[in-house]
Amino acid sequence: MLSQFYRPASCRNFAAFVAGSFIVFWLISALPWTAVSAHAHEGHDDVVPAGNAAKGLPRLAVKSETYELVAILDGERLTIYLDRYEDNSAVPNANISILIDAETVAAEPTSDGTYLVQSKLFLGSGSVELVFDIKAPEGDDLLVSRLLLPSASSTQGASNEVAWYTQPWLAVRHGAQDHLVLLALALAAGLAVGLAIRRLGSRVVPLLALILTVISFAATSPWAQAHEGHDHPDDPQAKTVPASDTAGRLADGTIYVPKPMQRILDVRTVIAKSDTTPRSLVLVGRVITDPNRSGVVQSINGGRITAPGNGFPRLGQSVAKGDVLTLVEPAMSIADRTTISERAGEFEQLIAVTEAKLKRLRQLAERGVALQSLVVEAEIELEGLRRRREVIRATRVEPEALRAPIDGVVAISRVVSGQVVQAQDLLFQIVDPTALWVEAYDYGNTDPSNPKQATAAGLGTPPMKLAFQGWGRTLQQQATIVQFAIVDPPAAIRVGQPVSVSVQQKDTVMGILVSRDAVVRASNGEMIIWRHIEPEQFEARRVRTEPFDAERLIIVAGAAEGDRIVVRGAEMINQIR
């Protein structure tokens, strides 16, 4: 049996079968029409250009040095979004007339800041040229663009459908059991090709391999992938923005944001301008009270808390200097109470004796036996004894009245009726909300004695302008204490609130001033800005920044003069995927 298999004829049959199977597998894997025209199914991915990811309504976008215009077509209604080029804000008070071929139509403004145009010419096919004549207080302008009508778009999209002659192959290649089917076809076709090679002879195998190599190279080359009416995917000049109604990230990394979504996100931009600005130093600080416009309420001896007649003051309540805030009943030991009681009994006894003496002297004085001066002396002595008795009683029962030291509001209240407090416990703090300071901590070796300008920003509070007050000559926890007064403090500021203090120095730096909201952090942790490069397209740029004040940063690298930088809505654009 083995001798028959190793006969020359059997070897030639086996070699022909192997060569035929190799050629069939080469055809299946190398020819591009089997891969380009194939549809993806479960376990396979489609390679779809970014521009076709999410089709939307037909639109056009055009811009000039003054305006930026986006028009979206829905049937015979054309919605126009007109924005200022500099800051991307809507222009609601413009007069827009549109020349559609030979017909002039006036756009009607709407309540949401857009303009509407209706025309039967939008129901045609092909494309139409639109000339927008804009008259507005910002300036007059003339914009020209061409709009691809829906019928033309559908015709162009149909050209990407699979040809009828490739559908049987696709059904076989992407069937439920595609790998087994391909293997069976390859074996069968290899057997057939092997028999053909066996009959033609072994000399035809090198020639057939050479021909297949040339065909495969020509079919898989980039210039063979594109034909008339289709863009080359590797051509950088062929990049287009998708006409979509949803935002998304494009293949080149830019972000596509349709103009209606820009209105919702309230996207605003500024044109970058380079300038020389002072360099700033950022310090960590907190809000403190003005020592001349604040005070604390404490008990000298301690005791039990009792409420005054009008009750305890509440937090945030305005009080005047001298108002009684609380009463403190002094604590007294048993020995002191016994001594006071004995002393009070002695005074009661002396008062009784003096009253009897005074009564007898008055009777004698009426008969002229005693002098009237003795009566007066007895009366004075009795009055003194009564006053001393009252002092003893007051020492035993009269509480300590705690009063407001200044005019202000109650910032801290730590009292409850019946509470026992010690001497020097903080019970109330009264502050003047119109006089607050900021205490900052400088851990460097800078000179804090004469800052050029200082601002502070806290969470949930607007930026605050600061006035320098002084700095400490002694380090406290390796930091120099620098104090500033808040100029016109906001109503929402709180004592003890942490703030970030920006102090401008004397040396300068060249850069672009932008709002802090313009600089966001990318997914890899880098600081970036978003450039408005097209009416509905944004590009990320890595930047290097330095602080300037509580509201702005200095971009020292990564941005160029004239760039349209997003200063509002950058964080929302950064989250689009």
Protein backbone atom coordinates (compact mmCIF):
# COMPACT_ATOMS: atom_id res chain seq x y z
CA MET A 1 0.00 0.00 0.00
CA LEU A 2 2.81 2.40 0.92
CA SER A 3 4.70 1.47 -2.21
CA GLN A 4 1.70 2.47 -4.31
CA PHE A 5 1.46 5.82 -2.54
CA TYR A 6 5.09 6.63 -3.19
CA ARG A 7 4.86 5.86 -6.85
CA PRO A 8 5.70 8.82 -9.12
CA ALA A 9 2.13 9.21 -10.30
CA SER A 10 0.73 9.38 -6.78
CA CYS A 11 3.35 11.93 -5.80
CA ARG A 12 2.43 14.09 -8.76
CA ASN A 13 -1.27 13.88 -7.80
CA PHE A 14 -0.50 14.86 -4.22
CA ALA A 15 1.69 17.79 -5.30
CA ALA A 16 -1.02 19.00 -7.66
CA PHE A 17 -3.61 18.77 -4.89
CA VAL A 18 -1.41 20.80 -2.49
CA ALA A 19 -0.67 23.42 -5.13
CA GLY A 20 -4.37 23.75 -5.98
CA SER A 21 -5.39 24.13 -2.33
CA PHE A 22 -2.70 26.81 -1.81
CA ILE A 23 -3.92 28.77 -4.84
CA VAL A 24 -7.55 28.64 -3.63
CA PHE A 25 -6.65 29.83 -0.14
CA TRP A 26 -4.57 32.62 -1.74
CA LEU A 27 -7.57 33.75 -3.74
CA ILE A 28 -9.80 33.75 -0.65
CA SER A 29 -7.42 35.75 1.55
CA ALA A 30 -5.60 38.06 -0.89
CA LEU A 31 -8.17 39.40 -3.32
CA PRO A 32 -9.49 42.69 -1.92
CA TRP A 33 -12.99 42.29 -3.32
CA THR A 34 -13.60 39.51 -0.86
CA ALA A 35 -12.76 41.79 2.10
CA VAL A 36 -13.86 45.23 0.98
CA SER A 37 -17.32 44.17 -0.18
CA ALA A 38 -18.00 41.89 2.78
CA HIS A 39 -20.58 42.82 5.44
CA ALA A 40 -19.74 42.28 9.09
CA HIS A 41 -21.66 39.79 11.15
CA GLU A 42 -21.32 38.37 14.62
CA GLY A 43 -17.64 38.24 15.49
CA HIS A 44 -16.57 40.59 12.63
CA ASP A 45 -16.21 44.38 12.63
CA ASP A 46 -17.22 46.80 9.90
CA VAL A 47 -14.68 49.43 8.91
CA VAL A 48 -16.96 52.44 8.39
CA PRO A 49 -15.66 55.94 7.76
CA ALA A 50 -16.33 58.42 10.51
CA GLY A 51 -18.37 60.56 8.17
CA ASN A 52 -20.96 57.83 7.73
CA ALA A 53 -21.26 56.90 11.39
CA ALA A 54 -24.45 58.85 12.03
CA LYS A 55 -26.23 60.46 9.12
CA GLY A 56 -28.39 63.49 9.79
CA LEU A 57 -30.23 66.21 7.96
CA PRO A 58 -28.47 67.95 5.06
CA ARG A 59 -26.61 71.04 6.17
CA LEU A 60 -24.03 73.61 5.18
CA ALA A 61 -21.55 75.60 7.24
CA VAL A 62 -19.80 78.80 6.21
CA LYS A 63 -17.93 81.50 8.10
CA SER A 64 -16.33 84.90 7.62
CA GLU A 65 -14.39 87.32 9.80
CA THR A 66 -17.65 88.56 11.33
CA TYR A 67 -20.16 85.73 11.31
CA GLU A 68 -20.48 81.97 11.42
CA LEU A 69 -23.51 80.43 9.75
CA VAL A 70 -24.91 76.89 9.83
CA ALA A 71 -28.04 75.98 7.87
CA ILE A 72 -29.94 72.68 8.36
CA LEU A 73 -32.49 71.49 5.81
CA ASP A 74 -35.60 69.56 6.86
CA GLY A 75 -37.89 69.04 3.89
CA GLU A 76 -38.58 72.48 2.47
CA ARG A 77 -37.69 74.26 5.76
CA LEU A 78 -34.19 75.62 6.19
CA THR A 79 -33.17 76.50 9.78
CA ILE A 80 -30.35 79.04 10.00
CA TYR A 81 -28.04 79.45 13.01
CA LEU A 82 -26.17 82.76 12.85
CA ASP A 83 -23.42 83.38 15.43
CA ARG A 84 -20.70 85.94 15.96
CA TYR A 85 -17.34 84.66 14.83
CA GLU A 86 -15.44 86.09 17.80
CA ASP A 87 -17.41 84.70 20.77
CA ASN A 88 -19.83 82.17 19.17
CA SER A 89 -22.86 84.01 20.58
CA ALA A 90 -26.15 84.08 18.69
CA VAL A 91 -27.14 87.08 16.56
CA PRO A 92 -30.89 87.44 17.17
CA ASN A 93 -31.57 90.80 15.52
CA ALA A 94 -30.32 90.31 11.96
CA ASN A 95 -32.10 90.68 8.65
CA ILE A 96 -31.20 87.74 6.41
CA SER A 97 -32.25 87.38 2.78
CA ILE A 98 -31.26 84.29 0.79
CA LEU A 99 -30.75 84.06 -2.96
CA ILE A 100 -31.71 80.53 -4.02
CA ASP A 101 -30.76 80.19 -7.68
CA ALA A 102 -32.76 83.15 -9.03
CA GLU A 103 -35.25 83.47 -6.16
CA THR A 104 -34.74 85.75 -3.14
CA VAL A 105 -36.38 84.70 0.12
CA ALA A 106 -36.36 86.56 3.45
CA ALA A 107 -35.59 84.57 6.61
CA GLU A 108 -38.01 84.86 9.50
CA PRO A 109 -36.55 85.12 13.03
CA THR A 110 -37.85 82.75 15.72
CA SER A 111 -38.06 82.97 19.50
CA ASP A 112 -35.09 80.64 20.05
CA GLY A 113 -32.64 82.85 18.14
CA THR A 114 -32.74 80.97 14.80
CA TYR A 115 -34.11 81.92 11.38
CA LEU A 116 -36.46 79.94 9.14
CA VAL A 117 -36.74 79.86 5.36
CA GLN A 118 -39.25 77.86 3.30
CA SER A 119 -38.90 77.21 -0.41
CA LYS A 120 -40.08 74.56 -2.89
CA LEU A 121 -36.63 74.69 -4.49
CA PHE A 122 -35.29 72.62 -1.60
CA LEU A 123 -37.38 69.66 -2.79
CA GLY A 124 -35.34 69.29 -5.99
CA SER A 125 -32.34 67.09 -6.73
CA GLY A 126 -28.63 67.73 -6.97
CA SER A 127 -27.24 70.78 -5.19
CA VAL A 128 -28.25 74.39 -4.94
CA GLU A 129 -26.13 77.50 -4.38
CA LEU A 130 -27.23 79.79 -1.54
CA VAL A 131 -26.18 83.40 -1.11
CA PHE A 132 -26.87 84.81 2.39
CA ASP A 133 -27.18 88.59 2.59
CA ILE A 134 -26.81 89.50 6.29
CA LYS A 135 -27.58 92.92 7.72
CA ALA A 136 -27.11 93.33 11.46
CA PRO A 137 -25.77 95.91 13.96
CA GLU A 138 -22.52 93.93 14.15
CA GLY A 139 -21.98 94.58 10.44
CA ASP A 140 -23.20 93.58 6.99
CA ASP A 141 -21.83 90.50 5.28
CA LEU A 142 -22.37 88.25 2.27
CA LEU A 143 -21.86 84.49 2.60
CA VAL A 144 -21.97 81.99 -0.25
CA SER A 145 -22.18 78.20 -0.03
CA ARG A 146 -23.68 75.19 -1.75
CA LEU A 147 -26.25 72.85 -0.19
CA LEU A 148 -26.54 69.18 -1.21
CA LEU A 149 -30.23 68.31 -1.43
CA PRO A 150 -31.61 65.10 0.14
CA SER A 151 -32.24 63.35 -3.18
CA ALA A 152 -28.60 63.80 -4.16
CA SER A 153 -27.49 62.51 -0.79
CA SER A 154 -29.57 59.36 -1.11
CA THR A 155 -28.19 58.75 -4.63
CA GLN A 156 -24.64 59.07 -3.38
CA GLY A 157 -25.34 56.76 -0.44
CA ALA A 158 -26.78 54.10 -2.74
CA SER A 159 -23.46 53.86 -4.60
CA ASN A 160 -21.93 52.24 -1.51
CA GLU A 161 -24.32 49.27 -1.64
CA VAL A 162 -23.00 45.80 -2.42
CA ALA A 163 -23.14 44.71 -6.07
CA TRP A 164 -25.53 41.89 -6.95
CA TYR A 165 -22.76 39.65 -8.23
CA THR A 166 -20.97 39.65 -4.85
CA GLN A 167 -24.01 38.80 -2.73
CA PRO A 168 -23.81 34.98 -3.26
CA TRP A 169 -20.16 35.04 -2.23
CA LEU A 170 -21.01 37.12 0.84
CA ALA A 171 -23.75 34.70 1.83
CA VAL A 172 -21.31 31.81 1.65
CA ARG A 173 -18.37 33.63 3.22
CA HIS A 174 -20.37 34.99 6.19
CA GLY A 175 -22.74 32.12 6.83
CA ALA A 176 -23.40 30.68 10.24
CA GLN A 177 -20.78 27.98 9.64
CA ASP A 178 -18.43 30.10 7.47
CA HIS A 179 -15.16 28.48 8.44
CA LEU A 180 -16.38 24.93 7.72
CA VAL A 181 -17.92 26.05 4.43
CA LEU A 182 -14.69 27.75 3.36
CA LEU A 183 -12.69 24.70 4.31
CA ALA A 184 -14.96 22.40 2.29
CA LEU A 185 -14.90 24.76 -0.70
CA ALA A 186 -11.13 25.03 -0.49
CA LEU A 187 -10.71 21.26 -0.44
CA ALA A 188 -13.10 20.76 -3.34
CA ALA A 189 -11.64 23.60 -5.39
CA GLY A 190 -8.12 22.43 -4.57
CA LEU A 191 -8.92 18.96 -5.85
CA ALA A 192 -10.34 20.43 -9.08
CA VAL A 193 -7.40 22.77 -9.61
CA GLY A 194 -4.99 19.97 -8.76
CA LEU A 195 -6.51 17.72 -11.42
CA ALA A 196 -6.26 20.59 -13.92
CA ILE A 197 -2.61 21.15 -13.05
CA ARG A 198 -2.02 17.38 -13.29
CA ARG A 199 -3.29 17.41 -16.82
CA LEU A 200 -1.54 20.62 -17.88
CA GLY A 201 1.74 19.66 -16.31
CA SER A 202 3.90 20.97 -13.51
CA ARG A 203 5.40 23.73 -15.66
CA VAL A 204 2.22 25.81 -15.46
CA VAL A 205 2.44 26.14 -11.62
CA PRO A 206 5.21 28.83 -11.46
CA LEU A 207 3.53 30.83 -14.23
CA LEU A 208 0.16 30.69 -12.43
CA ALA A 209 1.76 31.74 -9.12
CA LEU A 210 3.46 34.71 -10.80
CA ILE A 211 0.20 35.86 -12.36
CA LEU A 212 -1.65 35.60 -9.02
CA THR A 213 1.09 37.59 -7.27
CA VAL A 214 0.84 40.45 -9.77
CA ILE A 215 -2.98 40.48 -9.54
CA SER A 216 -2.96 40.46 -5.73
CA PHE A 217 -0.41 43.29 -5.54
CA ALA A 218 -2.36 45.44 -7.99
CA ALA A 219 -5.68 44.78 -6.26
CA THR A 220 -4.44 45.48 -2.74
CA SER A 221 -2.49 48.66 -3.56
CA PRO A 222 -3.97 51.96 -2.26
CA TRP A 223 -4.47 53.42 -5.74
CA ALA A 224 -6.63 50.47 -6.70
CA GLN A 225 -8.97 50.89 -3.74
CA ALA A 226 -10.42 54.19 -4.94
CA HIS A 227 -12.16 54.97 -8.16
CA GLU A 228 -14.05 57.84 -9.67
CA GLY A 229 -16.48 59.47 -7.25
CA HIS A 230 -14.79 58.14 -4.08
CA ASP A 231 -12.22 59.77 -1.78
CA HIS A 232 -8.90 58.25 -0.92
CA PRO A 233 -8.87 57.40 2.78
CA ASP A 234 -5.20 58.27 3.15
CA ASP A 235 -5.49 61.64 1.44
CA PRO A 236 -5.26 64.36 4.13
CA GLN A 237 -7.12 66.76 1.89
CA ALA A 238 -10.14 64.45 1.76
CA LYS A 239 -11.13 64.77 5.43
CA THR A 240 -14.77 65.77 5.82
CA VAL A 241 -17.02 66.48 8.77
CA PRO A 242 -20.10 64.24 9.00
CA ALA A 243 -23.53 65.75 8.44
CA SER A 244 -24.89 64.38 11.71
CA ASP A 245 -27.37 65.55 14.32
CA THR A 246 -25.42 64.05 17.24
CA ALA A 247 -22.04 65.01 18.68
CA GLY A 248 -19.12 62.63 18.50
CA ARG A 249 -15.39 62.24 18.16
CA LEU A 250 -14.02 62.02 14.62
CA ALA A 251 -11.25 59.75 13.36
CA ASP A 252 -8.67 62.56 13.45
CA GLY A 253 -9.35 63.23 17.14
CA THR A 254 -11.43 66.38 16.69
CA ILE A 255 -14.90 66.73 18.21
CA TYR A 256 -17.99 67.30 16.06
CA VAL A 257 -20.63 69.33 17.91
CA PRO A 258 -23.72 70.32 15.86
CA LYS A 259 -24.76 73.91 16.16
CA PRO A 260 -28.08 73.14 17.98
CA MET A 261 -26.11 71.39 20.71
CA GLN A 262 -23.70 74.33 20.92
CA ARG A 263 -26.67 76.54 21.71
CA ILE A 264 -27.78 74.13 24.47
CA LEU A 265 -24.28 73.93 25.98
CA ASP A 266 -23.92 77.73 25.66
CA VAL A 267 -20.48 77.43 24.08
CA ARG A 268 -18.51 80.69 24.06
CA THR A 269 -15.12 81.49 22.56
CA VAL A 270 -12.53 84.25 22.58
CA ILE A 271 -9.83 85.11 20.07
CA ALA A 272 -6.43 84.59 21.68
CA LYS A 273 -4.20 87.64 22.07
CA SER A 274 -0.67 87.43 23.41
CA ASP A 275 0.43 89.98 26.00
CA THR A 276 3.03 90.61 28.69
CA THR A 277 1.52 90.07 32.15
CA PRO A 278 2.88 89.91 35.71
CA ARG A 279 3.84 86.50 37.01
CA SER A 280 1.65 85.27 39.88
CA LEU A 281 2.15 83.15 42.98
CA VAL A 282 -0.64 80.91 44.29
CA LEU A 283 -0.99 80.57 48.08
CA VAL A 284 -3.30 78.47 50.21
CA GLY A 285 -5.37 80.50 52.67
CA ARG A 286 -8.53 80.72 54.72
CA VAL A 287 -11.04 83.41 55.68
CA ILE A 288 -10.58 84.93 59.14
CA THR A 289 -12.26 87.76 61.04
CA ASP A 290 -11.03 91.31 61.32
CA PRO A 291 -9.61 91.51 64.87
CA ASN A 292 -11.02 95.03 65.27
CA ARG A 293 -14.50 94.07 64.03
CA SER A 294 -15.13 90.77 65.82
CA GLY A 295 -15.43 89.42 69.37
CA VAL A 296 -16.07 86.35 71.50
CA VAL A 297 -18.37 85.88 74.51
CA GLN A 298 -16.99 83.89 77.47
CA SER A 299 -17.82 83.43 81.15
CA ILE A 300 -15.31 84.56 83.77
CA ASN A 301 -16.28 82.13 86.55
CA GLY A 302 -18.37 79.48 84.81
CA GLY A 303 -21.64 78.03 86.00
CA ARG A 304 -25.02 76.93 84.69
CA ILE A 305 -26.49 78.46 81.52
CA THR A 306 -29.94 80.02 81.68
CA ALA A 307 -31.79 81.84 78.93
CA PRO A 308 -32.44 85.57 79.15
CA GLY A 309 -35.93 87.01 78.94
CA ASN A 310 -35.98 87.14 75.13
CA GLY A 311 -34.28 83.75 74.68
CA PHE A 312 -30.93 82.79 73.18
CA PRO A 313 -29.89 84.58 69.95
CA ARG A 314 -29.95 82.33 66.88
CA LEU A 315 -27.16 81.85 64.35
CA GLY A 316 -26.96 84.71 61.88
CA GLN A 317 -29.02 87.04 64.06
CA SER A 318 -27.90 90.66 64.21
CA VAL A 319 -27.07 91.93 67.70
CA ALA A 320 -26.06 95.29 69.07
CA LYS A 321 -23.25 96.04 71.46
CA GLY A 322 -24.44 95.47 75.09
CA ASP A 323 -27.31 93.10 74.28
CA VAL A 324 -27.66 90.28 76.85
CA LEU A 325 -26.96 87.01 75.09
CA THR A 326 -27.17 84.56 78.00
CA LEU A 327 -27.09 84.28 81.80
CA VAL A 328 -24.69 82.12 83.82
CA GLU A 329 -25.59 81.05 87.34
CA PRO A 330 -22.32 80.80 89.27
CA ALA A 331 -21.34 77.49 90.75
CA MET A 332 -20.93 77.52 94.58
CA SER A 333 -19.52 74.89 96.94
CA ILE A 334 -21.34 73.72 100.13
CA ALA A 335 -18.81 75.45 102.38
CA ASP A 336 -19.33 78.76 100.60
CA ARG A 337 -23.08 78.36 100.80
CA THR A 338 -22.83 77.67 104.58
CA THR A 339 -20.65 80.72 105.14
CA ILE A 340 -23.01 82.94 103.17
CA SER A 341 -26.02 81.57 105.05
CA GLU A 342 -24.35 82.25 108.41
CA ARG A 343 -23.39 85.71 107.31
CA ALA A 344 -26.92 86.39 106.14
CA GLY A 345 -28.26 85.25 109.54
CA GLU A 346 -25.94 87.65 111.32
CA PHE A 347 -27.20 90.52 109.22
CA GLU A 348 -30.79 89.53 109.91
CA GLN A 349 -30.07 89.63 113.66
CA LEU A 350 -28.32 93.00 113.47
CA ILE A 351 -31.17 94.42 111.45
CA ALA A 352 -33.70 93.28 114.03
CA VAL A 353 -31.69 94.85 116.89
CA THR A 354 -31.23 98.09 114.96
CA GLU A 355 -34.94 98.27 114.11
CA ALA A 356 -35.85 97.90 117.83
CA LYS A 357 -33.26 100.53 118.78
CA LEU A 358 -34.61 102.94 116.17
CA LYS A 359 -38.15 102.44 117.40
CA ARG A 360 -37.16 103.28 121.00
CA LEU A 361 -35.16 106.35 119.94
CA ARG A 362 -38.05 107.71 117.97
CA GLN A 363 -40.31 107.49 121.02
CA LEU A 364 -37.74 109.24 123.18
CA ALA A 365 -37.20 111.91 120.61
CA GLU A 366 -40.93 112.61 120.46
CA ARG A 367 -40.94 113.30 124.24
CA GLY A 368 -37.76 115.36 123.90
CA VAL A 369 -35.66 113.01 126.00
CA ALA A 370 -33.31 111.86 123.12
CA LEU A 371 -31.66 113.91 120.47
CA GLN A 372 -32.96 113.73 116.90
CA SER A 373 -29.43 113.05 115.65
CA LEU A 374 -29.47 109.70 117.39
CA VAL A 375 -32.56 108.77 115.43
CA VAL A 376 -30.89 109.72 112.15
CA GLU A 377 -27.80 107.67 112.99
CA ALA A 378 -29.96 104.65 113.79
CA GLU A 379 -31.80 104.99 110.49
CA ILE A 380 -28.52 105.17 108.53
CA GLU A 381 -27.18 102.12 110.35
CA LEU A 382 -30.35 100.17 109.58
CA GLU A 383 -30.20 101.09 105.89
CA GLY A 384 -26.57 99.94 105.69
CA LEU A 385 -27.39 96.60 107.24
CA ARG A 386 -30.21 96.02 104.79
CA ARG A 387 -27.95 96.78 101.82
CA ARG A 388 -25.30 94.36 103.06
CA ARG A 389 -28.00 91.71 103.43
CA GLU A 390 -29.04 92.24 99.81
CA VAL A 391 -25.45 91.89 98.65
CA ILE A 392 -25.19 88.55 100.44
CA ARG A 393 -28.43 87.40 98.83
CA ALA A 394 -27.28 88.59 95.38
CA THR A 395 -23.98 86.76 95.76
CA ARG A 396 -25.87 83.56 96.34
CA VAL A 397 -28.54 83.79 93.59
CA GLU A 398 -27.71 86.52 90.97
CA PRO A 399 -26.45 85.08 87.61
CA GLU A 400 -23.64 86.50 85.42
CA ALA A 401 -24.98 88.38 82.39
CA LEU A 402 -22.95 87.88 79.18
CA ARG A 403 -23.33 90.74 76.65
CA ALA A 404 -22.41 91.30 73.01
CA PRO A 405 -19.02 93.05 72.74
CA ILE A 406 -19.64 94.61 69.27
CA ASP A 407 -22.33 95.20 66.69
CA GLY A 408 -22.53 92.26 64.26
CA VAL A 409 -24.09 88.87 63.66
CA VAL A 410 -23.87 85.66 65.65
CA ALA A 411 -21.37 83.39 63.93
CA ILE A 412 -21.02 80.73 66.66
CA SER A 413 -23.55 79.73 69.35
CA ARG A 414 -22.68 76.93 71.76
CA VAL A 415 -25.22 77.31 74.56
CA VAL A 416 -28.14 75.18 75.76
CA SER A 417 -30.38 75.91 78.70
CA GLY A 418 -29.08 74.09 81.78
CA GLN A 419 -25.61 73.57 80.31
CA VAL A 420 -22.69 73.78 82.77
CA VAL A 421 -19.72 75.69 81.35
CA GLN A 422 -16.24 76.36 82.60
CA ALA A 423 -14.48 79.69 82.75
CA GLN A 424 -13.17 80.94 79.36
CA ASP A 425 -15.32 78.49 77.34
CA LEU A 426 -16.27 79.98 73.96
CA LEU A 427 -20.03 80.48 74.05
CA PHE A 428 -20.67 83.01 71.26
CA GLN A 429 -18.69 84.59 68.44
CA ILE A 430 -19.86 87.88 66.98
CA VAL A 431 -18.48 89.00 63.61
CA ASP A 432 -19.03 91.88 61.27
CA PRO A 433 -19.71 90.32 57.81
CA THR A 434 -18.62 93.51 56.07
CA ALA A 435 -15.09 93.29 57.51
CA LEU A 436 -13.36 89.96 56.82
CA TRP A 437 -9.74 89.05 56.18
CA VAL A 438 -7.82 86.27 54.45
CA GLU A 439 -4.84 84.57 56.03
CA ALA A 440 -2.50 82.98 53.46
CA TYR A 441 0.48 80.68 53.99
CA ASP A 442 3.66 81.17 51.97
CA TYR A 443 5.97 78.13 52.04
CA GLY A 444 8.51 79.60 49.61
CA ASN A 445 11.24 82.19 49.78
CA THR A 446 9.37 84.97 48.00
CA ASP A 447 9.15 88.52 49.31
CA PRO A 448 5.55 89.00 50.53
CA SER A 449 6.08 92.53 51.80
CA ASN A 450 4.83 94.42 48.74
CA PRO A 451 2.57 92.41 46.41
CA LYS A 452 1.39 94.18 43.27
CA GLN A 453 -2.15 92.80 43.37
CA ALA A 454 -3.93 89.94 45.10
CA THR A 455 -7.19 88.10 44.52
CA ALA A 456 -8.84 85.11 46.19
CA ALA A 457 -11.29 82.49 45.01
CA GLY A 458 -13.27 80.02 47.08
CA LEU A 459 -15.63 77.19 46.27
CA GLY A 460 -19.03 78.62 45.40
CA THR A 461 -17.98 82.25 45.85
CA PRO A 462 -17.11 84.85 43.23
CA PRO A 463 -13.51 86.09 42.94
CA MET A 464 -12.58 88.56 45.69
CA LYS A 465 -10.17 91.46 45.50
CA LEU A 466 -7.74 91.65 48.42
CA ALA A 467 -5.87 94.50 50.12
CA PHE A 468 -2.50 93.68 51.70
CA GLN A 469 -2.39 94.15 55.49
CA GLY A 470 0.87 92.63 56.67
CA TRP A 471 2.99 89.52 57.08
CA GLY A 472 4.59 87.70 59.99
CA ARG A 473 8.32 87.75 60.62
CA THR A 474 8.16 84.38 62.38
CA LEU A 475 7.58 81.08 60.61
CA GLN A 476 4.59 79.09 61.77
CA GLN A 477 4.80 75.44 60.76
CA GLN A 478 7.45 76.37 58.17
CA ALA A 479 5.15 78.97 56.55
CA THR A 480 5.08 82.75 56.46
CA ILE A 481 1.70 84.17 57.45
CA VAL A 482 0.41 86.85 55.05
CA GLN A 483 -2.83 88.68 55.80
CA PHE A 484 -5.15 90.48 53.39
CA ALA A 485 -8.42 92.36 53.85
CA ILE A 486 -11.30 91.40 51.57
CA VAL A 487 -12.56 94.39 49.63
CA ASP A 488 -16.37 94.27 49.67
CA PRO A 489 -16.81 90.65 50.89
CA PRO A 490 -19.62 88.67 49.20
CA ALA A 491 -22.63 87.71 51.27
CA ALA A 492 -21.98 83.96 50.94
CA ILE A 493 -18.44 84.07 52.38
CA ARG A 494 -17.83 82.12 55.61
CA VAL A 495 -15.23 82.46 58.32
CA GLY A 496 -12.76 79.58 58.10
CA GLN A 497 -13.55 78.87 54.45
CA PRO A 498 -10.47 77.73 52.46
CA VAL A 499 -9.54 79.94 49.54
CA SER A 500 -6.86 80.07 46.86
CA VAL A 501 -4.93 83.35 46.87
CA SER A 502 -3.22 84.61 43.70
CA VAL A 503 -0.54 87.22 44.37
CA GLN A 504 0.97 89.05 41.40
CA GLN A 505 4.73 89.55 41.53
CA LYS A 506 6.95 92.22 39.98
CA ASP A 507 8.49 90.03 37.22
CA THR A 508 6.53 89.45 33.97
CA VAL A 509 5.78 86.60 31.57
CA MET A 510 4.58 86.50 27.94
CA GLY A 511 1.37 84.55 27.32
CA ILE A 512 -2.34 84.48 26.52
CA LEU A 513 -4.84 85.35 29.24
CA VAL A 514 -7.89 83.06 29.33
CA SER A 515 -10.56 82.14 31.82
CA ARG A 516 -9.82 79.24 34.15
CA ASP A 517 -12.84 77.42 32.70
CA ALA A 518 -11.09 77.31 29.30
CA VAL A 519 -8.39 74.91 30.52
CA VAL A 520 -9.60 71.37 31.24
CA ARG A 521 -7.88 68.09 31.99
CA ALA A 522 -7.75 65.34 29.36
CA SER A 523 -8.20 61.64 30.08
CA ASN A 524 -4.43 61.21 30.32
CA GLY A 525 -4.11 64.02 32.87
CA GLU A 526 -2.72 66.67 30.50
CA MET A 527 -4.04 70.22 30.52
CA ILE A 528 -5.76 71.06 27.24
CA ILE A 529 -7.85 73.76 25.59
CA TRP A 530 -10.43 73.36 22.84
CA ARG A 531 -9.98 75.36 19.61
CA HIS A 532 -13.03 76.21 17.50
CA ILE A 533 -11.60 75.39 14.09
CA GLU A 534 -14.85 75.02 12.10
CA PRO A 535 -18.45 76.07 12.76
CA GLU A 536 -19.23 72.60 14.12
CA GLN A 537 -15.78 71.22 14.83
CA PHE A 538 -13.41 71.56 17.80
CA GLU A 539 -9.79 70.52 18.24
CA ALA A 540 -7.90 69.78 21.47
CA ARG A 541 -4.53 71.41 22.14
CA ARG A 542 -2.09 70.56 24.95
CA VAL A 543 -1.04 73.71 26.80
CA ARG A 544 1.23 74.81 29.62
CA THR A 545 -0.24 77.40 31.99
CA GLU A 546 0.71 79.62 34.88
CA PRO A 547 -1.64 81.28 37.39
CA PHE A 548 -2.60 84.93 36.99
CA ASP A 549 -5.50 85.70 39.34
CA ALA A 550 -8.60 84.09 40.78
CA GLU A 551 -10.44 84.10 37.42
CA ARG A 552 -7.76 83.74 34.73
CA LEU A 553 -4.71 81.72 33.70
CA ILE A 554 -1.76 82.50 31.46
CA ILE A 555 -1.17 80.09 28.57
CA VAL A 556 2.57 80.23 28.02
CA ALA A 557 2.81 77.38 25.47
CA GLY A 558 0.45 75.42 23.23
CA ALA A 559 -1.79 78.21 21.87
CA ALA A 560 -1.17 80.74 19.13
CA GLU A 561 -2.41 84.27 18.72
CA GLY A 562 -5.65 84.33 16.75
CA ASP A 563 -6.90 80.92 17.94
CA ARG A 564 -10.56 80.74 18.85
CA ILE A 565 -10.42 79.26 22.34
CA VAL A 566 -13.52 77.88 24.05
CA VAL A 567 -13.95 79.64 27.41
CA ARG A 568 -17.44 78.38 28.29
CA GLY A 569 -18.61 74.83 27.71
CA ALA A 570 -15.10 73.37 27.37
CA GLU A 571 -15.73 70.84 30.14
CA MET A 572 -18.86 69.54 28.36
CA ILE A 573 -17.03 69.27 25.02
CA ASN A 574 -14.22 67.40 26.78
CA GLN A 575 -16.70 64.70 27.86
CA ILE A 576 -17.91 63.91 24.33
CA ARG A 577 -16.71 60.52 23.14
